[in-house]
Amino acid sequence: MTTIVVLSPIPASVVFQWLVAGTGRADLSVVGVEGTSPSQLDEALAEAEIVLGDYTFRHAITEEFLDRAPRLRFIQQPSAGYEHIDVKACRRRGIAVAHTPGVNDVAVAEHTVMLALALLKKAFYAHRRMAEGAWVQRELIWERGLFELQGKTYGIVGMGRIGRQLARRLIAFGTRTLYTDPVRLSESEERELHVEYKSLDDLLRRSDVVSLHVPLTEKTRKLIGERELSLMKFSAILINVARGECVDEVALAKRLREKKLAGAGIDVFSVEPLPADHPLRGLENVILTPHIAGATAEVRERVVHIAVDNMVRVLKGEQPLHLVPGEDGREGAKE
């Protein structure tokens, strides 16, 4: 009997059906964290050989977690991000860790464009005021102002897979697109994507819209803080679809309240679910979405396919695919 523990909010019975269909084996015990008592979970972890990670990031895989799972040999994370997993601790114990890179690139790029357009057009404010019974046509046209994306300078922070998908979409909108990244693109790639390389500070000073597309590392934690926000135009918009910790949320909220930034579109937060007293709540020039930029039905289908296929490979004694950077000697693609 092989035991698999599911940390994501996916019914264990559904995972069992997927794995049986893929392997033809019925000697599988699949235990889900949802609806399982702590003692039952500990009992399952003591026998677990495979763990399906948590795409909500609420169940971290730490040294203490690994101590409870002495037989664990493979972790499949059903998302591109895996910062809640202590990969180094897993490596020391000989536990392979895989993720699902590239599955949400298009979804996040589209969500970013949606936020930019909605903020420029004041769409959410218009809807909210009209739902309250107001007719805000004059206010929006003559006082607040409605703007086109065409002709704007757009700054992409992080030119990984998502950043590139975004750049491709911005070509159709006729923006001047700047980017910054630790690794500069080749001249041919810059021409293909219609982008110009700038330092972060220069990009922030020049851009009308800035969006973040970086992984969370010690270098990107609070990448956009009080100093960086002060470099941006008062008329600029900031969009964060990367990780909440990449932005100083308190400094951002202060800047927005003081009208020293035109707006913000935020999909990710340092604490999730968002606390009731979070400083970004209640601001009329902010659009908040609950970490759904990469959560389309199409993405979910791709994640399930990759994650289940990889677990099936391991159950059949084959090598897993999409190992996290360092697991297989490759760099691994950036978000």
Protein backbone atom coordinates (compact mmCIF):
# COMPACT_ATOMS: atom_id res chain seq x y z
CA MET A 1 0.00 0.00 0.00
CA THR A 2 1.37 3.40 -1.04
CA THR A 3 0.17 6.43 0.93
CA ILE A 4 -0.29 9.85 -0.69
CA VAL A 5 -1.14 12.94 1.39
CA VAL A 6 -2.98 15.83 -0.27
CA LEU A 7 -2.37 19.27 1.30
CA SER A 8 -4.37 21.24 -1.30
CA PRO A 9 -8.14 21.69 -0.86
CA ILE A 10 -8.82 18.96 -3.43
CA PRO A 11 -11.01 16.01 -2.40
CA ALA A 12 -8.82 12.98 -1.65
CA SER A 13 -11.36 10.76 -3.42
CA VAL A 14 -10.87 12.73 -6.65
CA VAL A 15 -7.07 12.45 -6.44
CA PHE A 16 -7.46 8.72 -5.79
CA GLN A 17 -9.55 8.33 -8.95
CA TRP A 18 -6.99 10.28 -11.03
CA LEU A 19 -4.09 8.15 -9.78
CA VAL A 20 -5.90 4.84 -10.18
CA ALA A 21 -6.84 5.81 -13.75
CA GLY A 22 -3.22 6.70 -14.51
CA THR A 23 -1.53 3.71 -12.87
CA GLY A 24 -4.10 0.94 -12.91
CA ARG A 25 -3.24 0.39 -9.25
CA ALA A 26 -5.82 0.14 -6.50
CA ASP A 27 -3.33 -0.33 -3.67
CA LEU A 28 -3.21 3.43 -2.99
CA SER A 29 -4.24 5.25 0.17
CA VAL A 30 -4.97 8.92 -0.47
CA VAL A 31 -5.53 11.13 2.59
CA GLY A 32 -6.52 14.78 2.29
CA VAL A 33 -5.77 17.45 4.88
CA GLU A 34 -9.28 18.84 4.42
CA GLY A 35 -11.59 17.23 6.98
CA THR A 36 -8.77 15.24 8.57
CA SER A 37 -7.90 15.61 12.26
CA PRO A 38 -4.31 16.46 13.27
CA SER A 39 -3.80 12.96 14.66
CA GLN A 40 -5.13 11.35 11.47
CA LEU A 41 -2.88 13.57 9.37
CA ASP A 42 0.16 12.65 11.48
CA GLU A 43 -0.71 8.99 11.08
CA ALA A 44 -0.94 9.39 7.29
CA LEU A 45 2.27 11.43 7.09
CA ALA A 46 4.16 8.73 8.97
CA GLU A 47 3.45 6.39 6.02
CA ALA A 48 3.35 8.92 3.17
CA GLU A 49 5.67 8.41 0.21
CA ILE A 50 4.18 11.19 -1.92
CA VAL A 51 2.76 14.58 -0.95
CA LEU A 52 0.63 16.72 -3.24
CA GLY A 53 1.44 20.25 -2.01
CA ASP A 54 -0.86 23.13 -1.22
CA TYR A 55 -1.53 25.67 -3.96
CA THR A 56 -2.95 28.08 -1.35
CA PHE A 57 0.45 28.07 0.44
CA ARG A 58 -1.25 27.72 3.84
CA HIS A 59 0.34 24.36 4.60
CA ALA A 60 4.09 24.92 4.57
CA ILE A 61 6.51 22.04 4.13
CA THR A 62 9.20 22.71 6.74
CA GLU A 63 11.84 20.72 8.62
CA GLU A 64 9.23 19.96 11.28
CA PHE A 65 6.79 18.74 8.62
CA LEU A 66 9.48 16.52 7.07
CA ASP A 67 10.29 15.05 10.50
CA ARG A 68 6.71 13.76 10.57
CA ALA A 69 7.10 12.12 7.14
CA PRO A 70 10.15 9.82 7.35
CA ARG A 71 9.16 7.76 4.29
CA LEU A 72 8.49 10.75 2.00
CA ARG A 73 10.33 10.61 -1.33
CA PHE A 74 8.45 12.97 -3.64
CA ILE A 75 6.57 16.28 -3.34
CA GLN A 76 4.48 17.53 -6.25
CA GLN A 77 3.57 21.21 -5.87
CA PRO A 78 0.50 22.08 -8.00
CA SER A 79 1.63 25.62 -8.81
CA ALA A 80 4.56 27.46 -10.35
CA GLY A 81 5.52 28.99 -6.99
CA TYR A 82 7.02 26.84 -4.22
CA GLU A 83 8.48 29.29 -1.70
CA HIS A 84 6.51 27.67 1.14
CA ILE A 85 8.57 24.49 0.67
CA ASP A 86 11.98 24.18 2.32
CA VAL A 87 13.64 22.81 -0.79
CA LYS A 88 17.09 22.65 0.81
CA ALA A 89 15.76 20.53 3.66
CA CYS A 90 14.08 18.23 1.13
CA ARG A 91 17.30 17.94 -0.85
CA ARG A 92 19.26 16.96 2.28
CA ARG A 93 16.78 14.15 2.85
CA GLY A 94 16.80 12.96 -0.75
CA ILE A 95 13.21 14.10 -1.39
CA ALA A 96 12.54 15.25 -4.96
CA VAL A 97 10.38 18.37 -5.37
CA ALA A 98 8.55 19.24 -8.58
CA HIS A 99 6.23 22.10 -9.55
CA THR A 100 4.09 23.08 -12.54
CA PRO A 101 5.98 25.88 -14.33
CA GLY A 102 4.42 27.87 -17.13
CA VAL A 103 0.82 26.83 -16.55
CA ASN A 104 -0.49 30.29 -15.63
CA ASP A 105 1.65 32.59 -17.80
CA VAL A 106 -1.16 33.65 -20.13
CA ALA A 107 -3.75 33.91 -17.35
CA VAL A 108 -1.59 36.23 -15.25
CA ALA A 109 -0.63 38.35 -18.25
CA GLU A 110 -4.30 38.77 -19.19
CA HIS A 111 -5.24 39.63 -15.59
CA THR A 112 -2.52 42.28 -15.56
CA VAL A 113 -3.86 43.92 -18.71
CA MET A 114 -7.38 43.78 -17.27
CA LEU A 115 -6.28 45.60 -14.11
CA ALA A 116 -4.39 48.23 -16.10
CA LEU A 117 -7.37 48.95 -18.35
CA ALA A 118 -9.88 48.95 -15.49
CA LEU A 119 -7.78 51.44 -13.53
CA LEU A 120 -7.16 53.73 -16.49
CA LYS A 121 -10.86 53.70 -17.40
CA LYS A 122 -12.04 53.94 -13.74
CA ALA A 123 -14.30 50.98 -14.52
CA PHE A 124 -14.68 49.64 -10.99
CA TYR A 125 -15.31 53.09 -9.52
CA ALA A 126 -17.92 53.81 -12.19
CA HIS A 127 -19.68 50.52 -11.53
CA ARG A 128 -19.68 50.99 -7.76
CA ARG A 129 -21.07 54.54 -7.92
CA MET A 130 -23.74 53.62 -10.47
CA ALA A 131 -24.78 50.61 -8.37
CA GLU A 132 -25.30 53.13 -5.55
CA GLY A 133 -27.62 55.15 -7.79
CA ALA A 134 -25.24 57.92 -8.90
CA TRP A 135 -24.64 59.14 -12.46
CA VAL A 136 -20.93 59.99 -12.53
CA GLN A 137 -20.37 60.76 -16.19
CA ARG A 138 -19.31 64.38 -15.66
CA GLU A 139 -17.14 63.46 -12.64
CA LEU A 140 -15.31 60.76 -14.56
CA ILE A 141 -14.76 62.82 -17.71
CA TRP A 142 -13.87 66.21 -16.25
CA GLU A 143 -12.67 65.57 -12.71
CA ARG A 144 -11.12 62.11 -12.45
CA GLY A 145 -10.19 61.59 -16.07
CA LEU A 146 -10.37 58.50 -18.25
CA PHE A 147 -7.27 57.35 -20.10
CA GLU A 148 -6.13 55.11 -22.93
CA LEU A 149 -3.42 52.49 -22.63
CA GLN A 150 -2.22 53.35 -26.11
CA GLY A 151 0.76 55.65 -26.03
CA LYS A 152 1.49 55.07 -22.35
CA THR A 153 4.90 54.01 -21.05
CA TYR A 154 4.52 50.60 -19.45
CA GLY A 155 7.17 49.20 -17.09
CA ILE A 156 7.52 45.43 -16.64
CA VAL A 157 9.49 44.41 -13.54
CA GLY A 158 10.65 40.85 -14.19
CA MET A 159 10.97 39.55 -17.75
CA GLY A 160 10.39 35.85 -17.13
CA ARG A 161 7.69 33.81 -18.82
CA ILE A 162 4.81 35.97 -17.53
CA GLY A 163 6.60 39.21 -18.29
CA ARG A 164 7.20 38.06 -21.86
CA GLN A 165 3.57 37.06 -22.35
CA LEU A 166 2.55 40.50 -21.09
CA ALA A 167 5.00 42.25 -23.41
CA ARG A 168 3.55 40.39 -26.40
CA ARG A 169 0.07 41.58 -25.51
CA LEU A 170 1.16 45.17 -25.00
CA ILE A 171 2.39 45.35 -28.60
CA ALA A 172 -1.24 45.41 -29.75
CA PHE A 173 -2.00 48.34 -27.40
CA GLY A 174 0.78 50.50 -28.80
CA THR A 175 2.61 51.15 -25.54
CA ARG A 176 6.24 52.08 -25.11
CA THR A 177 7.30 49.09 -23.02
CA LEU A 178 10.25 49.19 -20.64
CA TYR A 179 11.53 46.26 -18.61
CA THR A 180 14.03 45.46 -15.90
CA ASP A 181 15.41 42.08 -14.94
CA PRO A 182 18.65 40.70 -13.46
CA VAL A 183 19.32 39.14 -16.87
CA ARG A 184 18.95 41.35 -19.91
CA LEU A 185 17.34 39.90 -23.03
CA SER A 186 19.29 39.59 -26.25
CA GLU A 187 18.92 42.37 -28.81
CA SER A 188 16.83 40.09 -31.03
CA GLU A 189 14.48 39.24 -28.13
CA GLU A 190 14.10 42.93 -27.28
CA ARG A 191 13.21 43.70 -30.89
CA GLU A 192 10.73 40.80 -31.03
CA LEU A 193 8.97 41.91 -27.83
CA HIS A 194 9.25 45.66 -28.59
CA VAL A 195 10.85 46.33 -25.19
CA GLU A 196 13.66 48.55 -23.87
CA TYR A 197 15.90 47.63 -20.94
CA LYS A 198 16.12 50.09 -18.03
CA SER A 199 17.32 50.03 -14.44
CA LEU A 200 14.53 49.67 -11.87
CA ASP A 201 14.82 53.30 -10.76
CA ASP A 202 14.74 54.61 -14.32
CA LEU A 203 11.77 52.40 -15.17
CA LEU A 204 9.84 53.64 -12.14
CA ARG A 205 10.51 57.29 -12.99
CA ARG A 206 9.41 56.96 -16.62
CA SER A 207 6.44 54.57 -16.47
CA ASP A 208 2.73 55.39 -16.43
CA VAL A 209 1.92 51.79 -15.49
CA VAL A 210 4.24 49.43 -13.60
CA SER A 211 3.54 45.74 -12.98
CA LEU A 212 5.51 43.19 -10.98
CA HIS A 213 6.30 39.70 -12.31
CA VAL A 214 9.11 38.43 -10.09
CA PRO A 215 9.48 35.41 -7.79
CA LEU A 216 9.73 36.02 -4.05
CA THR A 217 13.36 35.93 -2.94
CA GLU A 218 15.35 37.84 -0.35
CA LYS A 219 16.30 40.27 -3.12
CA THR A 220 12.70 40.89 -4.20
CA ARG A 221 11.17 41.09 -0.72
CA LYS A 222 9.87 44.69 -0.46
CA LEU A 223 11.41 45.39 -3.84
CA ILE A 224 8.94 48.26 -4.10
CA GLY A 225 9.21 50.20 -0.87
CA GLU A 226 8.79 53.79 0.21
CA ARG A 227 11.86 54.97 -1.75
CA GLU A 228 10.82 53.21 -4.95
CA LEU A 229 7.25 54.48 -4.69
CA SER A 230 8.54 58.03 -4.32
CA LEU A 231 10.22 57.71 -7.72
CA MET A 232 6.92 57.04 -9.50
CA LYS A 233 4.78 59.72 -11.11
CA PHE A 234 1.76 60.87 -9.11
CA SER A 235 -0.29 59.87 -12.19
CA ALA A 236 1.15 56.35 -12.32
CA ILE A 237 -0.47 52.98 -11.58
CA LEU A 238 1.15 50.04 -9.78
CA ILE A 239 0.02 46.45 -10.36
CA ASN A 240 1.23 43.52 -8.27
CA VAL A 241 0.45 40.02 -9.51
CA ALA A 242 3.73 38.53 -8.24
CA ARG A 243 3.86 38.08 -4.45
CA GLY A 244 2.46 40.35 -1.75
CA GLU A 245 5.78 40.53 0.07
CA CYS A 246 7.40 42.19 -2.97
CA VAL A 247 5.64 45.46 -2.08
CA ASP A 248 5.62 47.45 1.14
CA GLU A 249 1.84 47.47 1.49
CA VAL A 250 1.76 50.08 4.25
CA ALA A 251 3.89 52.49 2.22
CA LEU A 252 1.74 51.83 -0.86
CA ALA A 253 -1.50 52.51 1.02
CA LYS A 254 -0.05 55.77 2.39
CA ARG A 255 1.00 56.88 -1.07
CA LEU A 256 -2.48 56.13 -2.46
CA ARG A 257 -4.29 57.92 0.38
CA GLU A 258 -2.15 61.01 -0.16
CA LYS A 259 -2.99 60.95 -3.91
CA LYS A 260 0.71 60.57 -4.73
CA LEU A 261 -0.14 57.57 -6.88
CA ALA A 262 -3.12 57.38 -9.20
CA GLY A 263 -4.09 53.80 -8.48
CA ALA A 264 -3.10 50.22 -7.79
CA GLY A 265 -4.27 46.79 -8.84
CA ILE A 266 -3.31 44.14 -6.29
CA ASP A 267 -3.91 40.40 -6.61
CA VAL A 268 -1.42 39.13 -4.01
CA PHE A 269 -0.92 40.04 -0.37
CA SER A 270 1.61 39.42 2.38
CA VAL A 271 -1.19 37.89 4.48
CA GLU A 272 -3.90 35.83 2.81
CA PRO A 273 -6.86 35.82 3.20
CA LEU A 274 -6.76 39.61 3.42
CA PRO A 275 -7.35 40.85 7.01
CA ALA A 276 -10.33 43.12 7.59
CA ASP A 277 -8.05 45.94 8.78
CA HIS A 278 -5.59 45.72 5.89
CA PRO A 279 -4.48 49.25 4.87
CA LEU A 280 -5.37 48.71 1.20
CA ARG A 281 -9.02 48.01 1.98
CA GLY A 282 -11.51 50.80 1.40
CA LEU A 283 -9.38 52.89 -0.96
CA GLU A 284 -11.38 54.04 -3.99
CA ASN A 285 -8.35 54.13 -6.30
CA VAL A 286 -7.47 50.48 -5.70
CA ILE A 287 -8.73 47.26 -7.28
CA LEU A 288 -8.24 44.19 -5.09
CA THR A 289 -8.60 40.62 -6.37
CA PRO A 290 -8.19 37.52 -4.14
CA HIS A 291 -5.05 35.92 -5.66
CA ILE A 292 -6.89 34.70 -8.75
CA ALA A 293 -4.74 36.06 -11.59
CA GLY A 294 -3.50 32.58 -12.43
CA ALA A 295 -6.58 30.64 -11.37
CA THR A 296 -8.56 30.22 -14.58
CA ALA A 297 -10.35 27.00 -15.49
CA GLU A 298 -7.77 26.47 -18.22
CA VAL A 299 -4.91 26.81 -15.73
CA ARG A 300 -6.56 24.39 -13.33
CA GLU A 301 -6.85 21.82 -16.12
CA ARG A 302 -3.18 22.24 -17.04
CA VAL A 303 -2.05 22.01 -13.39
CA VAL A 304 -4.05 18.84 -12.78
CA HIS A 305 -2.68 17.24 -15.93
CA ILE A 306 0.96 18.00 -15.09
CA ALA A 307 0.73 17.21 -11.37
CA VAL A 308 -1.17 13.96 -11.77
CA ASP A 309 1.02 12.82 -14.66
CA ASN A 310 4.11 13.45 -12.54
CA MET A 311 2.75 11.53 -9.54
CA VAL A 312 1.81 8.69 -11.86
CA ARG A 313 5.36 8.66 -13.21
CA VAL A 314 6.76 8.33 -9.67
CA LEU A 315 4.27 5.60 -8.76
CA LYS A 316 5.42 3.70 -11.87
CA GLY A 317 9.06 4.03 -10.83
CA GLU A 318 9.89 6.66 -13.46
CA GLN A 319 11.76 9.94 -13.03
CA PRO A 320 9.53 12.98 -12.31
CA LEU A 321 9.52 16.00 -14.61
CA HIS A 322 9.61 19.73 -13.77
CA LEU A 323 11.92 19.43 -10.78
CA VAL A 324 12.46 22.75 -9.03
CA PRO A 325 15.67 24.67 -9.82
CA GLY A 326 18.70 22.82 -8.52
CA GLU A 327 16.95 19.45 -8.29
CA ASP A 328 18.08 18.35 -11.73
CA GLY A 329 21.00 20.67 -12.36
CA ARG A 330 19.01 23.06 -14.52
CA GLU A 331 18.34 26.71 -13.73
CA GLY A 332 14.58 26.41 -13.94
CA ALA A 333 12.36 28.95 -15.65
CA LYS A 334 11.53 32.21 -13.98
CA GLU A 335 8.01 33.31 -13.18
